[in-house]
Protein backbone atom coordinates (compact mmCIF):
# COMPACT_ATOMS: atom_id res chain seq x y z
CA UNK A 1 0.00 0.00 0.00
CA UNK A 2 1.37 3.37 -1.04
CA UNK A 3 1.44 5.80 1.85
CA UNK A 4 2.91 9.16 2.78
CA UNK A 5 3.12 10.20 6.41
CA UNK A 6 3.97 13.71 7.54
CA UNK A 7 5.35 14.52 10.95
CA UNK A 8 7.15 17.28 12.78
CA UNK A 9 4.40 19.83 13.09
CA UNK A 10 3.60 21.65 16.30
CA UNK A 11 3.30 24.96 18.07
CA UNK A 12 6.17 27.40 17.68
CA UNK A 13 6.70 31.06 18.43
CA UNK A 14 7.22 33.58 15.66
CA UNK A 15 10.81 33.47 14.50
CA UNK A 16 11.15 29.83 15.48
CA UNK A 17 11.90 26.77 13.37
CA UNK A 18 10.38 23.40 12.61
CA UNK A 19 11.40 20.56 10.37
CA UNK A 20 8.63 18.60 8.73
CA UNK A 21 9.21 15.07 7.50
CA UNK A 22 7.42 13.19 4.75
CA UNK A 23 8.09 9.46 4.94
CA UNK A 24 7.00 7.04 2.27
CA UNK A 25 6.03 3.42 2.52
CA UNK A 26 5.24 1.10 -0.32
CA UNK A 27 7.19 3.11 -2.89
CA UNK A 28 10.52 4.84 -3.38
CA UNK A 29 10.34 8.61 -3.03
CA UNK A 30 13.38 9.04 -5.24
CA UNK A 31 11.21 8.02 -8.20
CA UNK A 32 8.78 10.88 -7.61
CA UNK A 33 8.74 14.64 -7.59
CA UNK A 34 7.62 15.69 -4.14
CA UNK A 35 5.65 18.75 -3.23
CA UNK A 36 4.67 20.44 0.01
CA UNK A 37 1.34 22.24 0.23
CA UNK A 38 -0.48 23.92 3.06
CA UNK A 39 -4.03 24.90 3.86
CA UNK A 40 -5.10 27.39 6.48
CA UNK A 41 -8.66 27.52 7.84
CA UNK A 42 -10.99 29.19 5.39
CA UNK A 43 -8.32 29.40 2.71
CA UNK A 44 -7.51 27.46 -0.41
CA UNK A 45 -4.72 24.93 -0.58
CA UNK A 46 -1.44 26.68 -1.30
CA UNK A 47 1.70 25.27 -2.87
CA UNK A 48 4.78 25.80 -0.73
CA UNK A 49 7.71 24.00 -2.31
CA UNK A 50 8.74 21.03 -4.43
CA UNK A 51 11.76 18.96 -5.36
CA UNK A 52 12.27 17.19 -8.66
CA UNK A 53 13.04 13.53 -9.08
CA UNK A 54 15.63 13.94 -11.82
CA UNK A 55 18.19 16.32 -10.36
CA UNK A 56 16.75 17.40 -7.01
CA UNK A 57 16.11 20.89 -8.32
CA UNK A 58 13.84 22.84 -6.01
CA UNK A 59 11.22 25.57 -6.21
CA UNK A 60 9.61 27.72 -3.57
CA UNK A 61 6.61 29.95 -3.27
CA UNK A 62 7.56 33.58 -2.91
CA UNK A 63 6.08 33.73 0.58
CA UNK A 64 8.54 31.14 1.91
CA UNK A 65 11.60 31.65 -0.28
CA UNK A 66 14.69 32.21 1.80
CA UNK A 67 13.04 30.78 4.91
CA UNK A 68 12.08 27.22 3.92
CA UNK A 69 14.32 24.50 2.49
CA UNK A 70 13.18 21.24 0.93
CA UNK A 71 15.53 18.26 0.80
CA UNK A 72 15.65 14.49 0.41
CA UNK A 73 17.27 11.71 2.40
CA UNK A 74 17.11 8.80 0.00
CA UNK A 75 18.48 6.32 2.53
CA UNK A 76 15.52 7.10 4.79
CA UNK A 77 13.03 7.41 1.92
CA UNK A 78 12.05 10.75 3.39
CA UNK A 79 11.67 14.33 2.22
CA UNK A 80 12.06 17.21 4.63
CA UNK A 81 10.84 20.77 4.81
CA UNK A 82 13.03 22.88 7.05
CA UNK A 83 11.10 25.98 8.09
CA UNK A 84 12.97 28.87 9.66
CA UNK A 85 11.89 32.32 10.79
CA UNK A 86 8.31 31.17 11.00
CA UNK A 87 5.53 33.73 10.90
CA UNK A 88 1.93 33.59 12.12
CA UNK A 89 0.79 33.50 8.50
CA UNK A 90 2.61 30.17 8.09
CA UNK A 91 0.00 28.58 10.34
CA UNK A 92 -1.70 25.80 8.41
CA UNK A 93 -1.96 22.08 7.90
CA UNK A 94 1.01 21.02 5.81
CA UNK A 95 0.73 18.17 3.32
CA UNK A 96 3.32 16.37 1.27
CA UNK A 97 2.43 14.84 -2.06
CA UNK A 98 4.11 12.65 -4.67
CA UNK A 99 3.99 13.17 -8.44
CA UNK A 100 4.85 10.10 -10.52
CA UNK A 101 4.66 11.79 -13.94
CA UNK A 102 6.81 14.93 -13.87
CA UNK A 103 10.35 13.98 -14.80
CA UNK A 104 12.15 17.31 -15.04
CA UNK A 105 11.47 20.03 -12.55
CA UNK A 106 8.43 19.89 -10.29
CA UNK A 107 4.93 21.26 -10.32
CA UNK A 108 3.10 23.77 -8.16
CA UNK A 109 -0.27 22.49 -9.38
CA UNK A 110 -1.89 20.27 -6.79
CA UNK A 111 -3.74 18.14 -9.36
CA UNK A 112 -0.38 17.01 -10.73
CA UNK A 113 0.19 15.02 -7.55
CA UNK A 114 -1.02 11.46 -7.21
CA UNK A 115 -0.45 10.56 -3.57
CA UNK A 116 -1.03 12.67 -0.49
CA UNK A 117 -0.30 12.38 3.19
CA UNK A 118 -2.75 13.10 5.96
CA UNK A 119 -1.16 16.40 6.94
CA UNK A 120 0.55 17.82 9.99
CA UNK A 121 -0.53 20.94 11.85
CA UNK A 122 1.85 23.88 12.14
CA UNK A 123 0.82 26.71 14.44
CA UNK A 124 2.92 29.85 14.77
CA UNK A 125 1.81 31.94 17.71
CA UNK A 126 3.20 33.85 20.63
Foldseek 3Di string as FASTA:
>chain_A
DWAWAKDFADEAAQQAKIKIKIAIDPDAQLLWKKWKWWDDPPGDIFTAKIFANAPRDMDGDPVQPPFWDWDDDRVRSMIMIIGGRDDQVVWTWMKMFTANPDHPDDDRDVVNTDHIHPTDTHGYHD
